[in-house]
Amino acid sequence: MRTLVADLRVHAFDGPPSPAARRGAGGARVLRPPGAAGPNAALRTLGVDLEMVVGTEGADLVHSHTWYANLAGHLSSLLQDIPHVVTAHSLEPLRPWKAEQLGGGYRISSFAE
């Protein structure tokens, strides 16, 4: 089988590396910057997004899914003039009942999407 991707870097929020990263695809865990945004989960997520953007320098394209990765992909695309491929699910604007549960976090995640 012909190799289609020579260099794949996987950035994941503070969790176990993806299967691709475990296979030596050059994965990286992106951790929340120390003290970023205090206890507000939505703002901490935006801090991680900014760290992810730094890690995409030199990429030919970026792929993301979920609201918390989409902003990193979009900003990477704008900053580096590269394509951003989105596989989206669980979009907050399509789940208005989450607004009461998430409060301001709902509005931030909707903005990020």
N, C-alpha and C. Protein backbone atom coordinates (compact mmCIF):
# COMPACT_ATOMS: atom_id res chain seq x y z
N MET A 1 0.84 -1.17 0.00
CA MET A 1 0.00 0.00 0.00
C MET A 1 0.89 1.24 0.00
N ARG A 2 0.57 2.18 -0.83
CA ARG A 2 1.34 3.41 -0.93
C ARG A 2 1.08 4.31 0.28
N THR A 3 2.13 4.93 0.79
CA THR A 3 1.99 5.86 1.90
C THR A 3 1.46 7.18 1.39
N LEU A 4 0.35 7.63 1.95
CA LEU A 4 -0.25 8.89 1.52
C LEU A 4 0.18 10.06 2.40
N VAL A 5 0.51 9.78 3.65
CA VAL A 5 0.90 10.84 4.57
C VAL A 5 2.30 10.53 5.09
N ALA A 6 3.24 11.42 4.82
CA ALA A 6 4.61 11.20 5.26
C ALA A 6 4.82 11.66 6.69
N ASP A 7 4.16 12.72 7.11
CA ASP A 7 4.34 13.28 8.45
C ASP A 7 2.98 13.66 9.00
N LEU A 8 2.54 12.96 10.01
CA LEU A 8 1.24 13.23 10.63
C LEU A 8 1.48 13.58 12.09
N ARG A 9 1.01 14.74 12.52
CA ARG A 9 1.12 15.14 13.92
C ARG A 9 -0.28 15.22 14.50
N VAL A 10 -0.51 14.53 15.58
CA VAL A 10 -1.81 14.50 16.24
C VAL A 10 -1.71 15.29 17.54
N HIS A 11 -2.57 16.27 17.70
CA HIS A 11 -2.62 17.06 18.93
C HIS A 11 -3.90 16.71 19.65
N ALA A 12 -3.79 16.31 20.89
CA ALA A 12 -4.96 15.89 21.65
C ALA A 12 -5.03 16.64 22.97
N PHE A 13 -6.24 16.96 23.39
CA PHE A 13 -6.43 17.56 24.70
C PHE A 13 -5.99 16.56 25.75
N ASP A 14 -5.56 17.01 26.85
CA ASP A 14 -5.04 16.26 27.99
C ASP A 14 -5.63 14.87 28.17
N GLY A 15 -5.25 13.96 27.31
CA GLY A 15 -5.75 12.60 27.36
C GLY A 15 -4.73 11.66 26.75
N PRO A 16 -5.06 10.40 26.64
CA PRO A 16 -4.11 9.46 26.06
C PRO A 16 -3.88 9.76 24.58
N PRO A 17 -2.68 9.50 24.10
CA PRO A 17 -2.43 9.71 22.68
C PRO A 17 -3.38 8.88 21.82
N SER A 18 -3.68 9.38 20.67
CA SER A 18 -4.56 8.68 19.74
C SER A 18 -3.86 7.43 19.21
N PRO A 19 -4.61 6.50 18.62
CA PRO A 19 -3.96 5.32 18.01
C PRO A 19 -2.89 5.71 16.99
N ALA A 20 -3.14 6.77 16.21
CA ALA A 20 -2.14 7.21 15.22
C ALA A 20 -0.86 7.65 15.92
N ALA A 21 -1.00 8.36 17.03
CA ALA A 21 0.18 8.81 17.76
C ALA A 21 0.94 7.63 18.34
N ARG A 22 0.22 6.63 18.82
CA ARG A 22 0.88 5.45 19.38
C ARG A 22 1.64 4.67 18.31
N ARG A 23 1.23 4.81 17.05
CA ARG A 23 1.93 4.12 15.96
C ARG A 23 3.13 4.92 15.47
N GLY A 24 3.49 5.97 16.18
CA GLY A 24 4.66 6.76 15.79
C GLY A 24 4.35 7.83 14.78
N ALA A 25 3.13 8.34 14.78
CA ALA A 25 2.75 9.36 13.81
C ALA A 25 3.18 10.75 14.24
N GLY A 26 3.94 10.86 15.30
CA GLY A 26 4.39 12.17 15.73
C GLY A 26 3.37 12.89 16.57
N GLY A 27 2.62 12.18 17.36
CA GLY A 27 1.57 12.78 18.17
C GLY A 27 2.11 13.63 19.31
N ALA A 28 1.29 14.51 19.78
CA ALA A 28 1.65 15.37 20.91
C ALA A 28 0.41 15.61 21.75
N ARG A 29 0.58 15.50 23.05
CA ARG A 29 -0.51 15.89 23.94
C ARG A 29 -0.35 17.37 24.22
N VAL A 30 -1.42 18.10 24.13
CA VAL A 30 -1.39 19.53 24.42
C VAL A 30 -2.05 19.72 25.77
N LEU A 31 -1.32 20.25 26.70
CA LEU A 31 -1.84 20.45 28.04
C LEU A 31 -2.26 21.89 28.24
N ARG A 32 -3.19 22.10 29.13
CA ARG A 32 -3.66 23.44 29.45
C ARG A 32 -2.49 24.25 30.00
N PRO A 33 -2.27 25.47 29.49
CA PRO A 33 -1.21 26.31 30.03
C PRO A 33 -1.46 26.56 31.52
N PRO A 34 -0.42 26.53 32.35
CA PRO A 34 -0.62 26.71 33.80
C PRO A 34 -1.37 27.99 34.12
N GLY A 35 -2.40 27.87 34.92
CA GLY A 35 -3.17 29.02 35.37
C GLY A 35 -4.07 29.65 34.33
N ALA A 36 -4.16 29.07 33.15
CA ALA A 36 -4.96 29.67 32.08
C ALA A 36 -6.43 29.73 32.46
N ALA A 37 -6.94 30.90 32.61
CA ALA A 37 -8.37 31.18 32.79
C ALA A 37 -8.99 30.61 34.06
N GLY A 38 -8.17 30.24 35.03
CA GLY A 38 -8.73 29.80 36.31
C GLY A 38 -9.68 28.63 36.18
N PRO A 39 -10.80 28.69 36.92
CA PRO A 39 -11.70 27.54 36.96
C PRO A 39 -12.69 27.45 35.79
N ASN A 40 -12.72 28.43 34.89
CA ASN A 40 -13.70 28.41 33.81
C ASN A 40 -13.26 27.44 32.72
N ALA A 41 -14.00 26.35 32.57
CA ALA A 41 -13.62 25.29 31.63
C ALA A 41 -13.58 25.77 30.18
N ALA A 42 -14.53 26.61 29.79
CA ALA A 42 -14.56 27.08 28.40
C ALA A 42 -13.33 27.93 28.09
N LEU A 43 -12.92 28.78 29.01
CA LEU A 43 -11.74 29.61 28.77
C LEU A 43 -10.46 28.79 28.82
N ARG A 44 -10.41 27.79 29.67
CA ARG A 44 -9.24 26.89 29.69
C ARG A 44 -9.10 26.21 28.33
N THR A 45 -10.23 25.82 27.76
CA THR A 45 -10.22 25.17 26.45
C THR A 45 -9.66 26.10 25.39
N LEU A 46 -10.03 27.37 25.43
CA LEU A 46 -9.50 28.32 24.45
C LEU A 46 -7.99 28.46 24.61
N GLY A 47 -7.50 28.37 25.84
CA GLY A 47 -6.05 28.40 26.06
C GLY A 47 -5.36 27.22 25.40
N VAL A 48 -5.96 26.05 25.49
CA VAL A 48 -5.41 24.86 24.84
C VAL A 48 -5.45 25.04 23.33
N ASP A 49 -6.53 25.63 22.81
CA ASP A 49 -6.62 25.89 21.37
C ASP A 49 -5.43 26.72 20.90
N LEU A 50 -5.08 27.75 21.65
CA LEU A 50 -3.95 28.60 21.25
C LEU A 50 -2.65 27.82 21.24
N GLU A 51 -2.46 26.93 22.21
CA GLU A 51 -1.27 26.08 22.23
C GLU A 51 -1.25 25.16 21.01
N MET A 52 -2.41 24.66 20.62
CA MET A 52 -2.48 23.79 19.44
C MET A 52 -2.10 24.55 18.18
N VAL A 53 -2.51 25.81 18.08
CA VAL A 53 -2.19 26.61 16.90
C VAL A 53 -0.68 26.71 16.73
N VAL A 54 0.02 26.95 17.82
CA VAL A 54 1.49 27.03 17.77
C VAL A 54 2.07 25.72 17.21
N GLY A 55 1.48 24.60 17.59
CA GLY A 55 1.98 23.30 17.16
C GLY A 55 1.71 22.94 15.72
N THR A 56 0.90 23.73 15.02
CA THR A 56 0.59 23.40 13.63
C THR A 56 1.49 24.13 12.63
N GLU A 57 2.46 24.86 13.12
CA GLU A 57 3.37 25.57 12.22
C GLU A 57 4.04 24.58 11.27
N GLY A 58 4.02 24.89 10.00
CA GLY A 58 4.62 24.04 8.99
C GLY A 58 3.70 22.98 8.42
N ALA A 59 2.47 22.91 8.93
CA ALA A 59 1.52 21.91 8.42
C ALA A 59 1.01 22.30 7.04
N ASP A 60 0.62 21.31 6.27
CA ASP A 60 0.02 21.55 4.96
C ASP A 60 -1.49 21.72 5.05
N LEU A 61 -2.09 21.10 6.06
CA LEU A 61 -3.52 21.26 6.33
C LEU A 61 -3.77 20.84 7.77
N VAL A 62 -4.92 21.26 8.29
CA VAL A 62 -5.32 20.86 9.64
C VAL A 62 -6.70 20.23 9.58
N HIS A 63 -6.95 19.29 10.47
CA HIS A 63 -8.25 18.64 10.59
C HIS A 63 -8.69 18.74 12.03
N SER A 64 -9.97 18.99 12.23
CA SER A 64 -10.50 19.04 13.60
C SER A 64 -11.92 18.53 13.63
N HIS A 65 -12.34 18.20 14.83
CA HIS A 65 -13.74 17.86 15.09
C HIS A 65 -14.02 18.25 16.53
N THR A 66 -15.23 18.48 16.85
CA THR A 66 -15.72 18.98 18.14
C THR A 66 -15.39 20.46 18.29
N TRP A 67 -16.23 21.15 19.04
CA TRP A 67 -16.07 22.60 19.15
C TRP A 67 -14.73 22.98 19.73
N TYR A 68 -14.22 22.21 20.65
CA TYR A 68 -12.99 22.62 21.31
C TYR A 68 -11.75 22.46 20.45
N ALA A 69 -11.82 21.73 19.37
CA ALA A 69 -10.70 21.65 18.44
C ALA A 69 -10.92 22.52 17.21
N ASN A 70 -12.17 22.82 16.88
CA ASN A 70 -12.46 23.59 15.68
C ASN A 70 -11.83 24.98 15.69
N LEU A 71 -11.84 25.64 16.84
CA LEU A 71 -11.26 26.98 16.89
C LEU A 71 -9.76 26.90 16.62
N ALA A 72 -9.08 25.92 17.17
CA ALA A 72 -7.65 25.76 16.90
C ALA A 72 -7.41 25.54 15.41
N GLY A 73 -8.23 24.72 14.79
CA GLY A 73 -8.08 24.48 13.36
C GLY A 73 -8.34 25.72 12.53
N HIS A 74 -9.39 26.45 12.90
CA HIS A 74 -9.73 27.67 12.15
C HIS A 74 -8.62 28.72 12.28
N LEU A 75 -8.14 28.92 13.50
CA LEU A 75 -7.07 29.90 13.70
C LEU A 75 -5.79 29.48 12.99
N SER A 76 -5.49 28.18 13.00
CA SER A 76 -4.32 27.69 12.27
C SER A 76 -4.45 27.97 10.78
N SER A 77 -5.64 27.75 10.25
CA SER A 77 -5.91 27.99 8.84
C SER A 77 -5.70 29.46 8.48
N LEU A 78 -6.23 30.35 9.31
CA LEU A 78 -6.08 31.78 9.06
C LEU A 78 -4.63 32.23 9.18
N LEU A 79 -3.97 31.78 10.22
CA LEU A 79 -2.60 32.23 10.50
C LEU A 79 -1.61 31.73 9.46
N GLN A 80 -1.79 30.49 9.01
CA GLN A 80 -0.80 29.88 8.13
C GLN A 80 -1.26 29.72 6.69
N ASP A 81 -2.47 30.19 6.39
CA ASP A 81 -3.02 30.12 5.04
C ASP A 81 -3.00 28.68 4.51
N ILE A 82 -3.56 27.78 5.32
CA ILE A 82 -3.64 26.36 4.95
C ILE A 82 -5.09 25.91 5.07
N PRO A 83 -5.47 24.84 4.38
CA PRO A 83 -6.85 24.35 4.48
C PRO A 83 -7.16 23.79 5.87
N HIS A 84 -8.41 23.94 6.27
CA HIS A 84 -8.91 23.39 7.53
C HIS A 84 -10.08 22.47 7.19
N VAL A 85 -9.92 21.19 7.46
CA VAL A 85 -10.96 20.20 7.22
C VAL A 85 -11.66 19.94 8.54
N VAL A 86 -12.99 20.08 8.55
CA VAL A 86 -13.77 19.91 9.77
C VAL A 86 -14.67 18.69 9.65
N THR A 87 -14.60 17.82 10.64
CA THR A 87 -15.56 16.74 10.81
C THR A 87 -16.31 17.08 12.09
N ALA A 88 -17.51 17.58 11.97
CA ALA A 88 -18.20 18.15 13.13
C ALA A 88 -19.30 17.23 13.64
N HIS A 89 -19.45 17.24 14.95
CA HIS A 89 -20.57 16.57 15.61
C HIS A 89 -20.84 17.30 16.91
N SER A 90 -21.99 17.09 17.48
CA SER A 90 -22.37 17.70 18.75
C SER A 90 -22.27 19.23 18.71
N LEU A 91 -22.73 19.83 17.64
CA LEU A 91 -22.64 21.28 17.50
C LEU A 91 -23.59 21.97 18.48
N GLU A 92 -23.05 22.88 19.26
CA GLU A 92 -23.86 23.55 20.28
C GLU A 92 -25.04 24.35 19.71
N PRO A 93 -24.86 25.10 18.60
CA PRO A 93 -26.02 25.84 18.09
C PRO A 93 -27.21 24.94 17.73
N LEU A 94 -26.94 23.66 17.51
CA LEU A 94 -28.02 22.73 17.20
C LEU A 94 -28.59 22.08 18.47
N ARG A 95 -28.06 22.47 19.62
CA ARG A 95 -28.51 21.91 20.89
C ARG A 95 -28.83 23.04 21.87
N PRO A 96 -29.85 23.86 21.58
CA PRO A 96 -30.13 25.02 22.42
C PRO A 96 -30.48 24.67 23.87
N TRP A 97 -30.91 23.45 24.12
CA TRP A 97 -31.24 23.06 25.49
C TRP A 97 -29.99 23.01 26.37
N LYS A 98 -28.80 23.00 25.78
CA LYS A 98 -27.56 22.98 26.56
C LYS A 98 -27.22 24.35 27.15
N ALA A 99 -27.87 25.41 26.66
CA ALA A 99 -27.56 26.76 27.14
C ALA A 99 -27.77 26.88 28.64
N GLU A 100 -28.85 26.31 29.14
CA GLU A 100 -29.11 26.40 30.58
C GLU A 100 -28.05 25.64 31.37
N GLN A 101 -27.66 24.50 30.88
CA GLN A 101 -26.67 23.67 31.57
C GLN A 101 -25.29 24.31 31.57
N LEU A 102 -24.88 24.88 30.44
CA LEU A 102 -23.52 25.37 30.28
C LEU A 102 -23.36 26.86 30.51
N GLY A 103 -24.45 27.61 30.55
CA GLY A 103 -24.36 29.05 30.78
C GLY A 103 -23.49 29.74 29.75
N GLY A 104 -22.55 30.56 30.22
CA GLY A 104 -21.66 31.29 29.33
C GLY A 104 -20.80 30.37 28.48
N GLY A 105 -20.51 29.18 28.99
CA GLY A 105 -19.73 28.21 28.22
C GLY A 105 -20.43 27.82 26.93
N TYR A 106 -21.76 27.81 26.96
CA TYR A 106 -22.54 27.50 25.75
C TYR A 106 -22.29 28.57 24.69
N ARG A 107 -22.31 29.81 25.10
CA ARG A 107 -22.10 30.90 24.14
C ARG A 107 -20.67 30.89 23.60
N ILE A 108 -19.71 30.57 24.45
CA ILE A 108 -18.32 30.50 24.00
C ILE A 108 -18.13 29.34 23.02
N SER A 109 -18.70 28.18 23.34
CA SER A 109 -18.54 27.04 22.43
C SER A 109 -19.26 27.29 21.11
N SER A 110 -20.40 27.96 21.16
CA SER A 110 -21.11 28.30 19.92
C SER A 110 -20.28 29.25 19.06
N PHE A 111 -19.62 30.21 19.70
CA PHE A 111 -18.74 31.13 18.98
C PHE A 111 -17.58 30.37 18.34
N ALA A 112 -17.00 29.45 19.08
CA ALA A 112 -15.84 28.70 18.59
C ALA A 112 -16.20 27.83 17.39
N GLU A 113 -17.45 27.36 17.35
CA GLU A 113 -17.86 26.52 16.23
C GLU A 113 -18.05 27.37 15.00
